Amino acid sequence: MADFLDLPTLFFLVLAVVILWRLRSVLGTRTGNEREPYNPYERKERRENREQGTENVINMPRREGGVEPPQHDAETRALKLESELERYAPADEEIRNTLKAMAEADPTFTPKSFLDGAVKAYEMIVSAFAEGDRKFLKTLLDKDVFDSFEGEITARESRGEKIDFTFVGFNDVKLVGAELDKRSAQVTVEFHAQVVSATRNPDGELIDGDEEAVVTIADEWTFARSVRSRDPNWKLVATNQLS
């Protein structure tokens, strides 16, 4: 027993107890300055906000009574609308007034957003017509216009003809008409588009167009939507080929 409790052994034993006590005092104590454990699935923005002390600080405009938007927002929208009217309908006061009435009736409507949608719709519709995609056309066309398009597709298919079609872009797009009444809103747009189109017979022979030539086509299309419906989508209700 005396050999076991010799001086060196006793020294190291006391040293081990002291070290364990110090580790426990450090590891078992929180200073309040520790960083939270890292969560690899937490959004980067949330981590940055927390580290900067800005978490959950979101500046939102107040709405008086929870209904009306702030006055400065209404003024901003009005100025934006006037700027877009000046750009997209500068010469026709009647069109300008009708578009303004549409924007007042539907805050989501702006001339720019409408034209952005119209140019996308035009490209998709002429491409779908060339491909004979009836299902897609039915979603964007009024019944009368769809019946007309579908009849031409059917006649083309009965002759065994196929169209090689590529949409290139637009030379010009402009608003040329607008109407608003208690039932519907209508906007007419003039498109000048560049395309490549070649029609071939069942034997693959070229019978119309040119697969290597870019040509300009001009159309006047009218889009409409019901002002009584919650559906915000516009449909093509009339077409007029200009050239």
C-alpha atoms as a PDB file:
ATOM      1  CA  MET A   1       0.000   0.000   0.000  1.00  0.00           C
ATOM      2  CA  ALA A   2       2.872   2.346   0.831  1.00  0.00           C
ATOM      3  CA  ASP A   3       4.464   1.558  -2.547  1.00  0.00           C
ATOM      4  CA  PHE A   4       1.202   2.450  -4.310  1.00  0.00           C
ATOM      5  CA  LEU A   5       0.933   5.812  -2.575  1.00  0.00           C
ATOM      6  CA  ASP A   6       4.478   6.910  -3.258  1.00  0.00           C
ATOM      7  CA  LEU A   7       5.102  10.627  -3.802  1.00  0.00           C
ATOM      8  CA  PRO A   8       5.139  10.698  -7.670  1.00  0.00           C
ATOM      9  CA  THR A   9       1.911   8.713  -7.894  1.00  0.00           C
ATOM     10  CA  LEU A  10       0.219  10.952  -5.366  1.00  0.00           C
ATOM     11  CA  PHE A  11       1.372  14.061  -7.289  1.00  0.00           C
ATOM     12  CA  PHE A  12      -0.094  12.900 -10.604  1.00  0.00           C
ATOM     13  CA  LEU A  13      -3.308  11.827  -8.931  1.00  0.00           C
ATOM     14  CA  VAL A  14      -3.798  15.299  -7.411  1.00  0.00           C
ATOM     15  CA  LEU A  15      -2.908  16.919 -10.757  1.00  0.00           C
ATOM     16  CA  ALA A  16      -5.532  14.816 -12.580  1.00  0.00           C
ATOM     17  CA  VAL A  17      -8.218  15.796 -10.063  1.00  0.00           C
ATOM     18  CA  VAL A  18      -7.354  19.482 -10.461  1.00  0.00           C
ATOM     19  CA  ILE A  19      -7.473  19.262 -14.287  1.00  0.00           C
ATOM     20  CA  LEU A  20     -10.817  17.454 -14.269  1.00  0.00           C
ATOM     21  CA  TRP A  21     -12.273  20.047 -11.896  1.00  0.00           C
ATOM     22  CA  ARG A  22     -11.087  22.926 -14.116  1.00  0.00           C
ATOM     23  CA  LEU A  23     -12.509  21.298 -17.274  1.00  0.00           C
ATOM     24  CA  ARG A  24     -15.839  20.741 -15.581  1.00  0.00           C
ATOM     25  CA  SER A  25     -15.998  24.325 -14.406  1.00  0.00           C
ATOM     26  CA  VAL A  26     -15.330  25.597 -17.930  1.00  0.00           C
ATOM     27  CA  LEU A  27     -17.406  23.150 -19.991  1.00  0.00           C
ATOM     28  CA  GLY A  28     -20.349  23.278 -17.646  1.00  0.00           C
ATOM     29  CA  THR A  29     -20.645  27.068 -17.599  1.00  0.00           C
ATOM     30  CA  ARG A  30     -22.358  29.359 -20.185  1.00  0.00           C
ATOM     31  CA  THR A  31     -21.201  32.941 -20.413  1.00  0.00           C
ATOM     32  CA  GLY A  32     -24.052  34.149 -22.634  1.00  0.00           C
ATOM     33  CA  ASN A  33     -21.671  34.893 -25.527  1.00  0.00           C
ATOM     34  CA  GLU A  34     -21.658  31.442 -27.077  1.00  0.00           C
ATOM     35  CA  ARG A  35     -22.644  31.123 -30.788  1.00  0.00           C
ATOM     36  CA  GLU A  36     -25.639  28.975 -31.549  1.00  0.00           C
ATOM     37  CA  PRO A  37     -24.957  25.566 -33.127  1.00  0.00           C
ATOM     38  CA  TYR A  38     -24.621  25.762 -36.880  1.00  0.00           C
ATOM     39  CA  ASN A  39     -27.640  24.503 -38.785  1.00  0.00           C
ATOM     40  CA  PRO A  40     -26.632  23.551 -42.351  1.00  0.00           C
ATOM     41  CA  TYR A  41     -30.267  23.598 -43.498  1.00  0.00           C
ATOM     42  CA  GLU A  42     -31.021  27.100 -42.284  1.00  0.00           C
ATOM     43  CA  ARG A  43     -31.374  29.722 -44.999  1.00  0.00           C
ATOM     44  CA  LYS A  44     -28.314  31.868 -45.555  1.00  0.00           C
ATOM     45  CA  GLU A  45     -30.305  35.073 -45.236  1.00  0.00           C
ATOM     46  CA  ARG A  46     -31.640  34.044 -41.848  1.00  0.00           C
ATOM     47  CA  ARG A  47     -28.110  33.340 -40.531  1.00  0.00           C
ATOM     48  CA  GLU A  48     -26.847  36.680 -41.806  1.00  0.00           C
ATOM     49  CA  ASN A  49     -29.786  38.546 -40.298  1.00  0.00           C
ATOM     50  CA  ARG A  50     -29.307  36.865 -36.938  1.00  0.00           C
ATOM     51  CA  GLU A  51     -25.579  37.617 -36.850  1.00  0.00           C
ATOM     52  CA  GLN A  52     -26.251  41.248 -37.772  1.00  0.00           C
ATOM     53  CA  GLY A  53     -29.032  41.558 -35.218  1.00  0.00           C
ATOM     54  CA  THR A  54     -31.718  42.178 -37.860  1.00  0.00           C
ATOM     55  CA  GLU A  55     -33.656  38.913 -37.727  1.00  0.00           C
ATOM     56  CA  ASN A  56     -37.433  39.309 -38.048  1.00  0.00           C
ATOM     57  CA  VAL A  57     -37.069  43.002 -38.899  1.00  0.00           C
ATOM     58  CA  ILE A  58     -39.259  43.456 -42.002  1.00  0.00           C
ATOM     59  CA  ASN A  59     -40.273  46.930 -43.079  1.00  0.00           C
ATOM     60  CA  MET A  60     -43.818  46.730 -44.459  1.00  0.00           C
ATOM     61  CA  PRO A  61     -46.047  49.646 -45.485  1.00  0.00           C
ATOM     62  CA  ARG A  62     -48.850  50.360 -43.086  1.00  0.00           C
ATOM     63  CA  ARG A  63     -52.414  50.250 -44.326  1.00  0.00           C
ATOM     64  CA  GLU A  64     -54.854  52.608 -42.656  1.00  0.00           C
ATOM     65  CA  GLY A  65     -57.706  50.479 -41.359  1.00  0.00           C
ATOM     66  CA  GLY A  66     -56.185  47.513 -43.222  1.00  0.00           C
ATOM     67  CA  VAL A  67     -57.835  48.600 -46.480  1.00  0.00           C
ATOM     68  CA  GLU A  68     -56.293  51.593 -48.218  1.00  0.00           C
ATOM     69  CA  PRO A  69     -52.633  51.576 -49.356  1.00  0.00           C
ATOM     70  CA  PRO A  70     -50.297  54.393 -48.276  1.00  0.00           C
ATOM     71  CA  GLN A  71     -50.771  57.634 -50.182  1.00  0.00           C
ATOM     72  CA  HIS A  72     -47.221  57.624 -51.506  1.00  0.00           C
ATOM     73  CA  ASP A  73     -47.787  54.173 -53.034  1.00  0.00           C
ATOM     74  CA  ALA A  74     -50.912  55.404 -54.827  1.00  0.00           C
ATOM     75  CA  GLU A  75     -48.982  58.404 -56.117  1.00  0.00           C
ATOM     76  CA  THR A  76     -46.147  56.162 -57.294  1.00  0.00           C
ATOM     77  CA  ARG A  77     -48.562  53.929 -59.196  1.00  0.00           C
ATOM     78  CA  ALA A  78     -50.225  56.960 -60.776  1.00  0.00           C
ATOM     79  CA  LEU A  79     -46.884  58.362 -61.927  1.00  0.00           C
ATOM     80  CA  LYS A  80     -45.854  54.967 -63.300  1.00  0.00           C
ATOM     81  CA  LEU A  81     -49.143  54.647 -65.165  1.00  0.00           C
ATOM     82  CA  GLU A  82     -48.778  58.100 -66.719  1.00  0.00           C
ATOM     83  CA  SER A  83     -45.235  57.237 -67.823  1.00  0.00           C
ATOM     84  CA  GLU A  84     -46.390  53.994 -69.450  1.00  0.00           C
ATOM     85  CA  LEU A  85     -49.330  55.704 -71.153  1.00  0.00           C
ATOM     86  CA  GLU A  86     -46.967  58.309 -72.554  1.00  0.00           C
ATOM     87  CA  ARG A  87     -44.727  55.561 -73.890  1.00  0.00           C
ATOM     88  CA  TYR A  88     -47.252  53.077 -75.227  1.00  0.00           C
ATOM     89  CA  ALA A  89     -50.189  55.293 -76.241  1.00  0.00           C
ATOM     90  CA  PRO A  90     -48.726  58.774 -76.739  1.00  0.00           C
ATOM     91  CA  ALA A  91     -50.908  60.069 -79.577  1.00  0.00           C
ATOM     92  CA  ASP A  92     -54.404  58.788 -78.858  1.00  0.00           C
ATOM     93  CA  GLU A  93     -56.227  60.443 -75.976  1.00  0.00           C
ATOM     94  CA  GLU A  94     -59.184  58.059 -76.187  1.00  0.00           C
ATOM     95  CA  ILE A  95     -56.966  54.989 -75.855  1.00  0.00           C
ATOM     96  CA  ARG A  96     -55.069  56.620 -72.995  1.00  0.00           C
ATOM     97  CA  ASN A  97     -58.268  57.362 -71.079  1.00  0.00           C
ATOM     98  CA  THR A  98     -59.605  53.836 -71.607  1.00  0.00           C
ATOM     99  CA  LEU A  99     -56.349  52.226 -70.451  1.00  0.00           C
ATOM    100  CA  LYS A 100     -56.374  54.502 -67.407  1.00  0.00           C
ATOM    101  CA  ALA A 101     -59.925  53.402 -66.610  1.00  0.00           C
ATOM    102  CA  MET A 102     -58.826  49.760 -66.898  1.00  0.00           C
ATOM    103  CA  ALA A 103     -55.986  50.380 -64.445  1.00  0.00           C
ATOM    104  CA  GLU A 104     -58.384  52.070 -62.017  1.00  0.00           C
ATOM    105  CA  ALA A 105     -60.790  49.136 -62.238  1.00  0.00           C
ATOM    106  CA  ASP A 106     -58.003  46.544 -61.929  1.00  0.00           C
ATOM    107  CA  PRO A 107     -54.865  47.638 -59.989  1.00  0.00           C
ATOM    108  CA  THR A 108     -52.904  44.718 -61.479  1.00  0.00           C
ATOM    109  CA  PHE A 109     -53.333  46.073 -65.015  1.00  0.00           C
ATOM    110  CA  THR A 110     -50.649  48.245 -66.588  1.00  0.00           C
ATOM    111  CA  PRO A 111     -49.985  48.912 -70.288  1.00  0.00           C
ATOM    112  CA  LYS A 112     -46.472  47.478 -70.002  1.00  0.00           C
ATOM    113  CA  SER A 113     -47.498  44.262 -68.241  1.00  0.00           C
ATOM    114  CA  PHE A 114     -50.299  43.771 -70.761  1.00  0.00           C
ATOM    115  CA  LEU A 115     -47.975  44.216 -73.754  1.00  0.00           C
ATOM    116  CA  ASP A 116     -45.378  41.919 -72.188  1.00  0.00           C
ATOM    117  CA  GLY A 117     -48.043  39.224 -71.961  1.00  0.00           C
ATOM    118  CA  ALA A 118     -49.396  39.962 -75.423  1.00  0.00           C
ATOM    119  CA  VAL A 119     -46.043  39.530 -77.191  1.00  0.00           C
ATOM    120  CA  LYS A 120     -45.481  36.214 -75.406  1.00  0.00           C
ATOM    121  CA  ALA A 121     -48.985  35.079 -76.318  1.00  0.00           C
ATOM    122  CA  TYR A 122     -48.473  36.051 -79.963  1.00  0.00           C
ATOM    123  CA  GLU A 123     -45.288  34.020 -80.300  1.00  0.00           C
ATOM    124  CA  MET A 124     -46.819  30.989 -78.569  1.00  0.00           C
ATOM    125  CA  ILE A 125     -50.035  31.134 -80.601  1.00  0.00           C
ATOM    126  CA  VAL A 126     -48.440  31.432 -84.058  1.00  0.00           C
ATOM    127  CA  SER A 127     -45.971  28.664 -83.158  1.00  0.00           C
ATOM    128  CA  ALA A 128     -48.738  26.405 -81.833  1.00  0.00           C
ATOM    129  CA  PHE A 129     -50.807  27.049 -84.964  1.00  0.00           C
ATOM    130  CA  ALA A 130     -47.902  25.996 -87.176  1.00  0.00           C
ATOM    131  CA  GLU A 131     -47.453  22.843 -85.091  1.00  0.00           C
ATOM    132  CA  GLY A 132     -51.182  22.088 -85.040  1.00  0.00           C
ATOM    133  CA  ASP A 133     -51.295  22.108 -81.238  1.00  0.00           C
ATOM    134  CA  ARG A 134     -55.051  22.359 -80.694  1.00  0.00           C
ATOM    135  CA  LYS A 135     -54.887  21.665 -76.963  1.00  0.00           C
ATOM    136  CA  PHE A 136     -52.660  24.638 -76.284  1.00  0.00           C
ATOM    137  CA  LEU A 137     -54.524  26.963 -78.632  1.00  0.00           C
ATOM    138  CA  LYS A 138     -57.790  26.228 -76.861  1.00  0.00           C
ATOM    139  CA  THR A 139     -56.412  27.745 -73.644  1.00  0.00           C
ATOM    140  CA  LEU A 140     -55.637  31.122 -75.233  1.00  0.00           C
ATOM    141  CA  LEU A 141     -58.293  31.566 -77.908  1.00  0.00           C
ATOM    142  CA  ASP A 142     -61.930  32.555 -77.726  1.00  0.00           C
ATOM    143  CA  LYS A 143     -64.234  29.853 -79.108  1.00  0.00           C
ATOM    144  CA  ASP A 144     -64.887  31.574 -82.450  1.00  0.00           C
ATOM    145  CA  VAL A 145     -61.190  32.227 -83.060  1.00  0.00           C
ATOM    146  CA  PHE A 146     -60.293  28.698 -81.992  1.00  0.00           C
ATOM    147  CA  ASP A 147     -62.853  27.220 -84.384  1.00  0.00           C
ATOM    148  CA  SER A 148     -61.297  29.235 -87.225  1.00  0.00           C
ATOM    149  CA  PHE A 149     -57.753  28.168 -86.354  1.00  0.00           C
ATOM    150  CA  GLU A 150     -58.803  24.564 -85.829  1.00  0.00           C
ATOM    151  CA  GLY A 151     -60.544  24.506 -89.221  1.00  0.00           C
ATOM    152  CA  GLU A 152     -57.373  25.650 -90.981  1.00  0.00           C
ATOM    153  CA  ILE A 153     -55.283  23.072 -89.099  1.00  0.00           C
ATOM    154  CA  THR A 154     -57.722  20.315 -90.062  1.00  0.00           C
ATOM    155  CA  ALA A 155     -57.683  21.352 -93.733  1.00  0.00           C
ATOM    156  CA  ARG A 156     -53.884  21.417 -93.741  1.00  0.00           C
ATOM    157  CA  GLU A 157     -53.702  17.984 -92.157  1.00  0.00           C
ATOM    158  CA  SER A 158     -56.203  16.569 -94.658  1.00  0.00           C
ATOM    159  CA  ARG A 159     -53.859  17.648 -97.452  1.00  0.00           C
ATOM    160  CA  GLY A 160     -50.917  16.063 -95.690  1.00  0.00           C
ATOM    161  CA  GLU A 161     -49.056  19.375 -95.450  1.00  0.00           C
ATOM    162  CA  LYS A 162     -46.552  20.283 -92.778  1.00  0.00           C
ATOM    163  CA  ILE A 163     -45.090  23.631 -91.782  1.00  0.00           C
ATOM    164  CA  ASP A 164     -41.498  24.217 -90.733  1.00  0.00           C
ATOM    165  CA  PHE A 165     -41.774  27.342 -88.616  1.00  0.00           C
ATOM    166  CA  THR A 166     -39.325  29.467 -86.624  1.00  0.00           C
ATOM    167  CA  PHE A 167     -40.228  32.628 -84.752  1.00  0.00           C
ATOM    168  CA  VAL A 168     -37.397  35.176 -84.995  1.00  0.00           C
ATOM    169  CA  GLY A 169     -38.620  38.322 -83.202  1.00  0.00           C
ATOM    170  CA  PHE A 170     -40.535  41.587 -83.461  1.00  0.00           C
ATOM    171  CA  ASN A 171     -39.949  44.674 -85.557  1.00  0.00           C
ATOM    172  CA  ASP A 172     -42.692  46.586 -83.811  1.00  0.00           C
ATOM    173  CA  VAL A 173     -45.529  46.110 -81.324  1.00  0.00           C
ATOM    174  CA  LYS A 174     -48.020  48.832 -80.458  1.00  0.00           C
ATOM    175  CA  LEU A 175     -51.404  49.408 -78.860  1.00  0.00           C
ATOM    176  CA  VAL A 176     -53.934  50.563 -81.437  1.00  0.00           C
ATOM    177  CA  GLY A 177     -57.260  50.248 -79.633  1.00  0.00           C
ATOM    178  CA  ALA A 178     -58.942  49.843 -76.261  1.00  0.00           C
ATOM    179  CA  GLU A 179     -62.548  49.463 -75.148  1.00  0.00           C
ATOM    180  CA  LEU A 180     -64.121  49.077 -71.720  1.00  0.00           C
ATOM    181  CA  ASP A 181     -67.739  48.548 -70.729  1.00  0.00           C
ATOM    182  CA  LYS A 182     -69.620  46.898 -67.880  1.00  0.00           C
ATOM    183  CA  ARG A 183     -69.057  43.435 -69.319  1.00  0.00           C
ATOM    184  CA  SER A 184     -65.585  43.301 -70.833  1.00  0.00           C
ATOM    185  CA  ALA A 185     -62.267  44.982 -71.431  1.00  0.00           C
ATOM    186  CA  GLN A 186     -60.693  44.761 -74.894  1.00  0.00           C
ATOM    187  CA  VAL A 187     -57.268  45.826 -76.102  1.00  0.00           C
ATOM    188  CA  THR A 188     -56.123  45.673 -79.723  1.00  0.00           C
ATOM    189  CA  VAL A 189     -52.436  45.265 -80.550  1.00  0.00           C
ATOM    190  CA  GLU A 190     -50.616  45.553 -83.858  1.00  0.00           C
ATOM    191  CA  PHE A 191     -47.747  43.082 -84.267  1.00  0.00           C
ATOM    192  CA  HIS A 192     -44.981  43.213 -86.857  1.00  0.00           C
ATOM    193  CA  ALA A 193     -43.059  39.963 -86.450  1.00  0.00           C
ATOM    194  CA  GLN A 194     -40.188  38.256 -88.234  1.00  0.00           C
ATOM    195  CA  VAL A 195     -40.564  34.546 -88.943  1.00  0.00           C
ATOM    196  CA  VAL A 196     -39.217  31.760 -91.102  1.00  0.00           C
ATOM    197  CA  SER A 197     -41.961  29.578 -92.563  1.00  0.00           C
ATOM    198  CA  ALA A 198     -41.944  26.801 -95.154  1.00  0.00           C
ATOM    199  CA  THR A 199     -44.920  24.601 -96.057  1.00  0.00           C
ATOM    200  CA  ARG A 200     -44.307  21.180 -97.613  1.00  0.00           C
ATOM    201  CA  ASN A 201     -46.613  18.664 -99.261  1.00  0.00           C
ATOM    202  CA  PRO A 202     -46.736  14.941 -98.349  1.00  0.00           C
ATOM    203  CA  ASP A 203     -43.753  14.330-100.651  1.00  0.00           C
ATOM    204  CA  GLY A 204     -41.672  16.894 -98.786  1.00  0.00           C
ATOM    205  CA  GLU A 205     -41.720  19.372-101.649  1.00  0.00           C
ATOM    206  CA  LEU A 206     -41.802  23.077-100.810  1.00  0.00           C
ATOM    207  CA  ILE A 207     -45.143  24.565-101.821  1.00  0.00           C
ATOM    208  CA  ASP A 208     -45.141  27.838 -99.882  1.00  0.00           C
ATOM    209  CA  GLY A 209     -42.644  30.040 -98.070  1.00  0.00           C
ATOM    210  CA  ASP A 210     -38.875  29.671 -97.813  1.00  0.00           C
ATOM    211  CA  GLU A 211     -36.989  27.793 -95.118  1.00  0.00           C
ATOM    212  CA  GLU A 212     -33.997  30.111 -95.507  1.00  0.00           C
ATOM    213  CA  ALA A 213     -35.734  33.505 -95.702  1.00  0.00           C
ATOM    214  CA  VAL A 214     -36.821  35.695 -92.815  1.00  0.00           C
ATOM    215  CA  VAL A 215     -40.075  37.456 -93.651  1.00  0.00           C
ATOM    216  CA  THR A 216     -42.162  40.029 -91.796  1.00  0.00           C
ATOM    217  CA  ILE A 217     -45.805  39.354 -91.046  1.00  0.00           C
ATOM    218  CA  ALA A 218     -48.228  41.940 -89.666  1.00  0.00           C
ATOM    219  CA  ASP A 219     -51.327  41.163 -87.650  1.00  0.00           C
ATOM    220  CA  GLU A 220     -53.856  43.099 -85.634  1.00  0.00           C
ATOM    221  CA  TRP A 221     -55.145  41.057 -82.702  1.00  0.00           C
ATOM    222  CA  THR A 222     -57.768  41.904 -80.100  1.00  0.00           C
ATOM    223  CA  PHE A 223     -57.570  40.430 -76.607  1.00  0.00           C
ATOM    224  CA  ALA A 224     -60.435  40.523 -74.123  1.00  0.00           C
ATOM    225  CA  ARG A 225     -61.368  39.520 -70.610  1.00  0.00           C
ATOM    226  CA  SER A 226     -64.572  39.734 -68.599  1.00  0.00           C
ATOM    227  CA  VAL A 227     -64.551  42.483 -65.980  1.00  0.00           C
ATOM    228  CA  ARG A 228     -66.992  40.438 -63.916  1.00  0.00           C
ATOM    229  CA  SER A 229     -64.785  37.365 -63.749  1.00  0.00           C
ATOM    230  CA  ARG A 230     -62.049  36.689 -61.229  1.00  0.00           C
ATOM    231  CA  ASP A 231     -60.030  35.044 -63.992  1.00  0.00           C
ATOM    232  CA  PRO A 232     -57.245  37.532 -64.828  1.00  0.00           C
ATOM    233  CA  ASN A 233     -56.369  35.872 -68.149  1.00  0.00           C
ATOM    234  CA  TRP A 234     -57.007  37.529 -71.493  1.00  0.00           C
ATOM    235  CA  LYS A 235     -58.099  35.587 -74.573  1.00  0.00           C
ATOM    236  CA  LEU A 236     -57.663  36.299 -78.249  1.00  0.00           C
ATOM    237  CA  VAL A 237     -61.101  37.229 -79.575  1.00  0.00           C
ATOM    238  CA  ALA A 238     -60.352  38.657 -83.041  1.00  0.00           C
ATOM    239  CA  THR A 239     -57.571  38.567 -85.651  1.00  0.00           C
ATOM    240  CA  ASN A 240     -56.886  40.618 -88.735  1.00  0.00           C
ATOM    241  CA  GLN A 241     -53.962  39.906 -91.057  1.00  0.00           C
ATOM    242  CA  LEU A 242     -52.481  43.178 -92.291  1.00  0.00           C
ATOM    243  CA  SER A 243     -49.949  41.739 -94.743  1.00  0.00           C
END
